[in-house]
Amino acid sequence: MMAIPGAQRVTLVDCASGLAVASADRDGRGDRRADQRVDQHEDAAGATDVVRSVLGSAALSATPDGDDVEEIIVCGSGGYHLLALTGPDLDGHLFVHLVVDREKGNLALARLRMRGLVQEMAVR
């Protein structure tokens, strides 16, 4: 996923525990100062809170037709946070939190590539 243009950080999160299973970032290449880096478990916990809030809201989590949330996008001034779920609920599933730089990345391309990689991962 780090090959996606503009990708700054990616974390694979266990939905049940809210802990990071794996992560990668560009911080090691000097893109950020050490005091600005985000710990992978802090990242995972915060992203899990967002996912749980959305899935816990009847107005946001599904339509009357049963259309479940597949991804959540949070837009910030410096970039986008893409959260891709591997299933309709949190128990026993993983989700991916990808941070994409607004100037270096392309939101539409990042969504398409991330969705393809998540689907590939879910099949395995």
N, C-alpha and C. Protein backbone atom coordinates (compact mmCIF):
# COMPACT_ATOMS: atom_id res chain seq x y z
N MET A 1 0.81 -1.20 0.00
CA MET A 1 0.00 0.00 0.00
C MET A 1 0.85 1.26 0.00
N MET A 2 2.06 1.15 0.49
CA MET A 2 2.93 2.32 0.50
C MET A 2 3.35 2.73 -0.91
N ALA A 3 3.08 1.88 -1.91
CA ALA A 3 3.38 2.23 -3.30
C ALA A 3 2.30 3.13 -3.91
N ILE A 4 1.19 3.30 -3.21
CA ILE A 4 0.13 4.19 -3.68
C ILE A 4 0.69 5.62 -3.65
N PRO A 5 0.56 6.36 -4.74
CA PRO A 5 1.09 7.72 -4.78
C PRO A 5 0.55 8.59 -3.62
N GLY A 6 1.46 9.22 -2.89
CA GLY A 6 1.08 10.09 -1.78
C GLY A 6 0.90 9.39 -0.45
N ALA A 7 1.00 8.05 -0.43
CA ALA A 7 0.82 7.32 0.83
C ALA A 7 1.89 7.75 1.83
N GLN A 8 1.44 8.11 3.03
CA GLN A 8 2.34 8.54 4.09
C GLN A 8 2.46 7.52 5.20
N ARG A 9 1.34 6.84 5.49
CA ARG A 9 1.33 5.86 6.58
C ARG A 9 0.19 4.89 6.34
N VAL A 10 0.42 3.63 6.66
CA VAL A 10 -0.64 2.63 6.58
C VAL A 10 -0.56 1.75 7.82
N THR A 11 -1.73 1.44 8.38
CA THR A 11 -1.80 0.57 9.55
C THR A 11 -2.89 -0.45 9.33
N LEU A 12 -2.56 -1.71 9.54
CA LEU A 12 -3.53 -2.80 9.51
C LEU A 12 -3.98 -3.00 10.96
N VAL A 13 -5.28 -2.91 11.19
CA VAL A 13 -5.81 -2.88 12.56
C VAL A 13 -6.74 -4.06 12.81
N ASP A 14 -6.59 -4.69 13.96
CA ASP A 14 -7.50 -5.73 14.44
C ASP A 14 -8.70 -5.02 15.06
N CYS A 15 -9.87 -5.21 14.48
CA CYS A 15 -11.06 -4.49 14.92
C CYS A 15 -11.46 -4.83 16.35
N ALA A 16 -11.33 -6.07 16.73
CA ALA A 16 -11.78 -6.49 18.06
C ALA A 16 -10.97 -5.84 19.17
N SER A 17 -9.66 -5.78 19.01
CA SER A 17 -8.80 -5.24 20.07
C SER A 17 -8.44 -3.78 19.86
N GLY A 18 -8.52 -3.30 18.62
CA GLY A 18 -8.10 -1.94 18.32
C GLY A 18 -6.60 -1.78 18.25
N LEU A 19 -5.87 -2.89 18.15
CA LEU A 19 -4.41 -2.84 18.09
C LEU A 19 -3.89 -2.99 16.67
N ALA A 20 -2.73 -2.41 16.44
CA ALA A 20 -2.09 -2.52 15.13
C ALA A 20 -1.53 -3.92 14.94
N VAL A 21 -1.81 -4.51 13.79
CA VAL A 21 -1.27 -5.80 13.42
C VAL A 21 0.04 -5.59 12.65
N ALA A 22 0.05 -4.55 11.82
CA ALA A 22 1.24 -4.21 11.03
C ALA A 22 1.13 -2.74 10.64
N SER A 23 2.28 -2.13 10.36
CA SER A 23 2.25 -0.73 9.91
C SER A 23 3.50 -0.41 9.11
N ALA A 24 3.40 0.65 8.34
CA ALA A 24 4.54 1.17 7.57
C ALA A 24 4.32 2.66 7.42
N ASP A 25 5.41 3.41 7.32
CA ASP A 25 5.28 4.85 7.12
C ASP A 25 6.51 5.41 6.43
N ARG A 26 6.43 6.66 6.08
CA ARG A 26 7.53 7.36 5.43
C ARG A 26 8.35 8.16 6.44
N ASP A 27 7.99 8.10 7.72
CA ASP A 27 8.68 8.88 8.74
C ASP A 27 10.16 8.58 8.82
N GLY A 28 10.55 7.36 8.57
CA GLY A 28 11.95 6.98 8.64
C GLY A 28 12.80 7.65 7.58
N ARG A 29 12.18 8.27 6.62
CA ARG A 29 12.91 8.94 5.54
C ARG A 29 13.02 10.44 5.77
N GLY A 30 12.69 10.87 6.99
CA GLY A 30 12.87 12.28 7.32
C GLY A 30 11.70 13.17 6.94
N ASP A 31 10.54 12.61 6.62
CA ASP A 31 9.40 13.43 6.23
C ASP A 31 8.80 14.17 7.41
N ARG A 32 9.04 13.69 8.63
CA ARG A 32 8.51 14.34 9.82
C ARG A 32 9.55 14.36 10.91
N ARG A 33 9.41 15.31 11.82
CA ARG A 33 10.28 15.33 13.00
C ARG A 33 9.84 14.21 13.93
N ALA A 34 10.76 13.75 14.76
CA ALA A 34 10.47 12.65 15.69
C ALA A 34 9.29 12.97 16.61
N ASP A 35 9.13 14.22 17.04
CA ASP A 35 8.04 14.57 17.94
C ASP A 35 6.69 14.65 17.24
N GLN A 36 6.65 14.56 15.91
CA GLN A 36 5.40 14.59 15.16
C GLN A 36 4.96 13.20 14.71
N ARG A 37 5.75 12.20 14.96
CA ARG A 37 5.40 10.85 14.53
C ARG A 37 4.26 10.28 15.35
N VAL A 38 3.48 9.44 14.71
CA VAL A 38 2.34 8.82 15.36
C VAL A 38 2.69 7.36 15.63
N ASP A 39 2.54 6.94 16.88
CA ASP A 39 2.76 5.55 17.24
C ASP A 39 1.71 4.68 16.57
N GLN A 40 2.13 3.50 16.07
CA GLN A 40 1.20 2.63 15.34
C GLN A 40 0.00 2.21 16.19
N HIS A 41 0.20 2.00 17.48
CA HIS A 41 -0.92 1.58 18.32
C HIS A 41 -1.84 2.75 18.66
N GLU A 42 -1.27 3.95 18.78
CA GLU A 42 -2.08 5.15 18.98
C GLU A 42 -2.92 5.40 17.72
N ASP A 43 -2.30 5.23 16.57
CA ASP A 43 -2.98 5.36 15.29
C ASP A 43 -4.13 4.36 15.21
N ALA A 44 -3.85 3.12 15.55
CA ALA A 44 -4.86 2.06 15.47
C ALA A 44 -6.02 2.33 16.43
N ALA A 45 -5.72 2.77 17.64
CA ALA A 45 -6.77 3.04 18.62
C ALA A 45 -7.67 4.18 18.17
N GLY A 46 -7.07 5.25 17.66
CA GLY A 46 -7.86 6.39 17.18
C GLY A 46 -8.72 6.03 15.99
N ALA A 47 -8.16 5.28 15.05
CA ALA A 47 -8.91 4.86 13.87
C ALA A 47 -10.04 3.91 14.26
N THR A 48 -9.80 3.04 15.23
CA THR A 48 -10.84 2.12 15.70
C THR A 48 -12.00 2.90 16.31
N ASP A 49 -11.70 3.97 17.06
CA ASP A 49 -12.76 4.80 17.63
C ASP A 49 -13.64 5.40 16.53
N VAL A 50 -13.02 5.84 15.44
CA VAL A 50 -13.78 6.42 14.33
C VAL A 50 -14.67 5.35 13.70
N VAL A 51 -14.11 4.18 13.43
CA VAL A 51 -14.88 3.10 12.81
C VAL A 51 -16.04 2.68 13.71
N ARG A 52 -15.78 2.52 15.00
CA ARG A 52 -16.85 2.13 15.92
C ARG A 52 -17.94 3.18 15.99
N SER A 53 -17.56 4.45 15.95
CA SER A 53 -18.56 5.53 15.99
C SER A 53 -19.46 5.49 14.77
N VAL A 54 -18.86 5.31 13.60
CA VAL A 54 -19.65 5.25 12.37
C VAL A 54 -20.55 4.01 12.36
N LEU A 55 -20.00 2.86 12.69
CA LEU A 55 -20.80 1.63 12.66
C LEU A 55 -21.85 1.61 13.76
N GLY A 56 -21.63 2.37 14.83
CA GLY A 56 -22.58 2.42 15.93
C GLY A 56 -23.72 3.40 15.69
N SER A 57 -23.63 4.17 14.63
CA SER A 57 -24.67 5.15 14.30
C SER A 57 -25.60 4.56 13.24
N ALA A 58 -26.85 4.41 13.59
CA ALA A 58 -27.81 3.85 12.64
C ALA A 58 -27.93 4.72 11.39
N ALA A 59 -27.77 6.01 11.56
CA ALA A 59 -27.90 6.92 10.42
C ALA A 59 -26.74 6.78 9.44
N LEU A 60 -25.58 6.35 9.92
CA LEU A 60 -24.40 6.25 9.07
C LEU A 60 -24.03 4.83 8.67
N SER A 61 -24.39 3.86 9.48
CA SER A 61 -23.86 2.52 9.26
C SER A 61 -24.57 1.69 8.19
N ALA A 62 -25.82 1.95 7.91
CA ALA A 62 -26.51 1.15 6.89
C ALA A 62 -27.75 1.89 6.40
N THR A 63 -28.13 1.58 5.19
CA THR A 63 -29.37 2.10 4.63
C THR A 63 -30.47 1.07 4.86
N PRO A 64 -31.72 1.41 4.62
CA PRO A 64 -32.79 0.42 4.76
C PRO A 64 -32.58 -0.80 3.86
N ASP A 65 -31.81 -0.63 2.78
CA ASP A 65 -31.54 -1.75 1.87
C ASP A 65 -30.43 -2.66 2.37
N GLY A 66 -29.82 -2.32 3.51
CA GLY A 66 -28.76 -3.15 4.04
C GLY A 66 -27.39 -2.84 3.46
N ASP A 67 -27.20 -1.65 2.95
CA ASP A 67 -25.93 -1.24 2.35
C ASP A 67 -24.94 -0.91 3.46
N ASP A 68 -24.02 -1.81 3.74
CA ASP A 68 -23.08 -1.64 4.83
C ASP A 68 -21.91 -0.73 4.44
N VAL A 69 -21.30 -0.11 5.45
CA VAL A 69 -20.15 0.76 5.25
C VAL A 69 -18.96 -0.09 4.83
N GLU A 70 -18.30 0.30 3.74
CA GLU A 70 -17.09 -0.38 3.28
C GLU A 70 -15.85 0.45 3.56
N GLU A 71 -16.02 1.77 3.50
CA GLU A 71 -14.89 2.65 3.76
C GLU A 71 -15.36 3.96 4.35
N ILE A 72 -14.43 4.60 5.05
CA ILE A 72 -14.68 5.89 5.68
C ILE A 72 -13.54 6.80 5.23
N ILE A 73 -13.87 8.02 4.84
CA ILE A 73 -12.86 8.98 4.43
C ILE A 73 -12.96 10.21 5.32
N VAL A 74 -11.83 10.58 5.91
CA VAL A 74 -11.74 11.80 6.71
C VAL A 74 -10.79 12.73 5.97
N CYS A 75 -11.26 13.93 5.65
CA CYS A 75 -10.44 14.89 4.91
C CYS A 75 -9.88 15.93 5.87
N GLY A 76 -8.56 16.05 5.86
CA GLY A 76 -7.89 17.07 6.66
C GLY A 76 -7.22 18.07 5.76
N SER A 77 -6.68 19.13 6.33
CA SER A 77 -6.06 20.17 5.52
C SER A 77 -4.79 19.67 4.82
N GLY A 78 -4.12 18.68 5.39
CA GLY A 78 -2.89 18.18 4.79
C GLY A 78 -3.03 16.86 4.07
N GLY A 79 -4.18 16.21 4.22
CA GLY A 79 -4.31 14.92 3.56
C GLY A 79 -5.61 14.23 3.88
N TYR A 80 -5.67 12.98 3.48
CA TYR A 80 -6.87 12.17 3.62
C TYR A 80 -6.56 10.94 4.46
N HIS A 81 -7.53 10.55 5.29
CA HIS A 81 -7.44 9.31 6.06
C HIS A 81 -8.49 8.38 5.46
N LEU A 82 -8.04 7.28 4.89
CA LEU A 82 -8.94 6.30 4.31
C LEU A 82 -8.97 5.08 5.22
N LEU A 83 -10.17 4.71 5.63
CA LEU A 83 -10.36 3.54 6.48
C LEU A 83 -11.17 2.54 5.68
N ALA A 84 -10.58 1.41 5.35
CA ALA A 84 -11.25 0.39 4.55
C ALA A 84 -11.54 -0.83 5.40
N LEU A 85 -12.80 -1.20 5.50
CA LEU A 85 -13.23 -2.35 6.31
C LEU A 85 -13.24 -3.61 5.47
N THR A 86 -12.91 -4.73 6.11
CA THR A 86 -12.92 -6.01 5.39
C THR A 86 -14.23 -6.76 5.58
N GLY A 87 -15.14 -6.22 6.38
CA GLY A 87 -16.42 -6.87 6.60
C GLY A 87 -17.40 -5.90 7.22
N PRO A 88 -18.67 -6.30 7.33
CA PRO A 88 -19.71 -5.39 7.80
C PRO A 88 -19.71 -5.13 9.31
N ASP A 89 -18.97 -5.91 10.09
CA ASP A 89 -18.93 -5.67 11.53
C ASP A 89 -17.48 -5.69 12.00
N LEU A 90 -17.29 -5.42 13.28
CA LEU A 90 -15.92 -5.32 13.80
C LEU A 90 -15.36 -6.65 14.29
N ASP A 91 -16.21 -7.53 14.78
CA ASP A 91 -15.72 -8.75 15.40
C ASP A 91 -15.02 -9.67 14.41
N GLY A 92 -13.75 -9.94 14.69
CA GLY A 92 -12.99 -10.88 13.88
C GLY A 92 -12.50 -10.33 12.56
N HIS A 93 -12.66 -9.06 12.33
CA HIS A 93 -12.25 -8.47 11.06
C HIS A 93 -11.08 -7.50 11.25
N LEU A 94 -10.45 -7.22 10.16
CA LEU A 94 -9.38 -6.24 10.13
C LEU A 94 -9.85 -5.04 9.33
N PHE A 95 -9.22 -3.90 9.55
CA PHE A 95 -9.42 -2.77 8.64
C PHE A 95 -8.08 -2.10 8.42
N VAL A 96 -8.02 -1.32 7.35
CA VAL A 96 -6.80 -0.63 6.97
C VAL A 96 -7.00 0.87 7.12
N HIS A 97 -6.01 1.52 7.73
CA HIS A 97 -6.00 2.99 7.84
C HIS A 97 -4.85 3.49 6.99
N LEU A 98 -5.16 4.17 5.91
CA LEU A 98 -4.16 4.72 5.00
C LEU A 98 -4.22 6.24 5.05
N VAL A 99 -3.07 6.87 5.26
CA VAL A 99 -2.99 8.33 5.24
C VAL A 99 -2.32 8.74 3.94
N VAL A 100 -3.00 9.62 3.19
CA VAL A 100 -2.51 10.06 1.88
C VAL A 100 -2.30 11.57 1.91
N ASP A 101 -1.13 12.01 1.50
CA ASP A 101 -0.81 13.43 1.41
C ASP A 101 -1.69 14.09 0.35
N ARG A 102 -2.27 15.23 0.71
CA ARG A 102 -3.20 15.92 -0.20
C ARG A 102 -2.52 16.40 -1.47
N GLU A 103 -1.30 16.89 -1.37
CA GLU A 103 -0.62 17.43 -2.55
C GLU A 103 0.08 16.37 -3.39
N LYS A 104 0.56 15.31 -2.76
CA LYS A 104 1.31 14.29 -3.49
C LYS A 104 0.44 13.14 -3.98
N GLY A 105 -0.76 13.02 -3.40
CA GLY A 105 -1.61 11.88 -3.74
C GLY A 105 -2.84 12.28 -4.51
N ASN A 106 -3.62 11.28 -4.85
CA ASN A 106 -4.88 11.46 -5.57
C ASN A 106 -5.91 10.61 -4.84
N LEU A 107 -6.92 11.24 -4.27
CA LEU A 107 -7.90 10.54 -3.46
C LEU A 107 -8.59 9.41 -4.22
N ALA A 108 -9.03 9.67 -5.42
CA ALA A 108 -9.74 8.65 -6.21
C ALA A 108 -8.84 7.45 -6.51
N LEU A 109 -7.61 7.73 -6.92
CA LEU A 109 -6.67 6.65 -7.21
C LEU A 109 -6.34 5.87 -5.95
N ALA A 110 -6.13 6.56 -4.85
CA ALA A 110 -5.81 5.89 -3.58
C ALA A 110 -6.97 4.98 -3.16
N ARG A 111 -8.21 5.45 -3.30
CA ARG A 111 -9.37 4.63 -2.95
C ARG A 111 -9.43 3.37 -3.79
N LEU A 112 -9.25 3.52 -5.09
CA LEU A 112 -9.32 2.36 -5.98
C LEU A 112 -8.23 1.34 -5.67
N ARG A 113 -7.02 1.82 -5.54
CA ARG A 113 -5.91 0.89 -5.26
C ARG A 113 -6.05 0.24 -3.90
N MET A 114 -6.43 1.02 -2.89
CA MET A 114 -6.59 0.46 -1.56
C MET A 114 -7.70 -0.58 -1.54
N ARG A 115 -8.82 -0.28 -2.17
CA ARG A 115 -9.95 -1.23 -2.21
C ARG A 115 -9.52 -2.54 -2.86
N GLY A 116 -8.77 -2.46 -3.96
CA GLY A 116 -8.30 -3.67 -4.62
C GLY A 116 -7.37 -4.49 -3.73
N LEU A 117 -6.48 -3.81 -3.01
CA LEU A 117 -5.55 -4.52 -2.13
C LEU A 117 -6.27 -5.12 -0.92
N VAL A 118 -7.26 -4.41 -0.40
CA VAL A 118 -8.03 -4.94 0.73
C VAL A 118 -8.84 -6.16 0.31
N GLN A 119 -9.44 -6.11 -0.87
CA GLN A 119 -10.20 -7.26 -1.36
C GLN A 119 -9.28 -8.46 -1.58
N GLU A 120 -8.11 -8.20 -2.10
CA GLU A 120 -7.11 -9.26 -2.30
C GLU A 120 -6.71 -9.86 -0.95
N MET A 121 -6.52 -9.02 0.03
CA MET A 121 -6.15 -9.47 1.37
C MET A 121 -7.27 -10.28 2.02
N ALA A 122 -8.52 -9.87 1.82
CA ALA A 122 -9.66 -10.56 2.41
C ALA A 122 -9.85 -11.95 1.85
N VAL A 123 -9.46 -12.16 0.59
CA VAL A 123 -9.62 -13.47 -0.06
C VAL A 123 -8.63 -14.47 0.54
N ARG A 124 -7.47 -13.99 0.91
CA ARG A 124 -6.43 -14.89 1.44
C ARG A 124 -6.79 -15.34 2.77
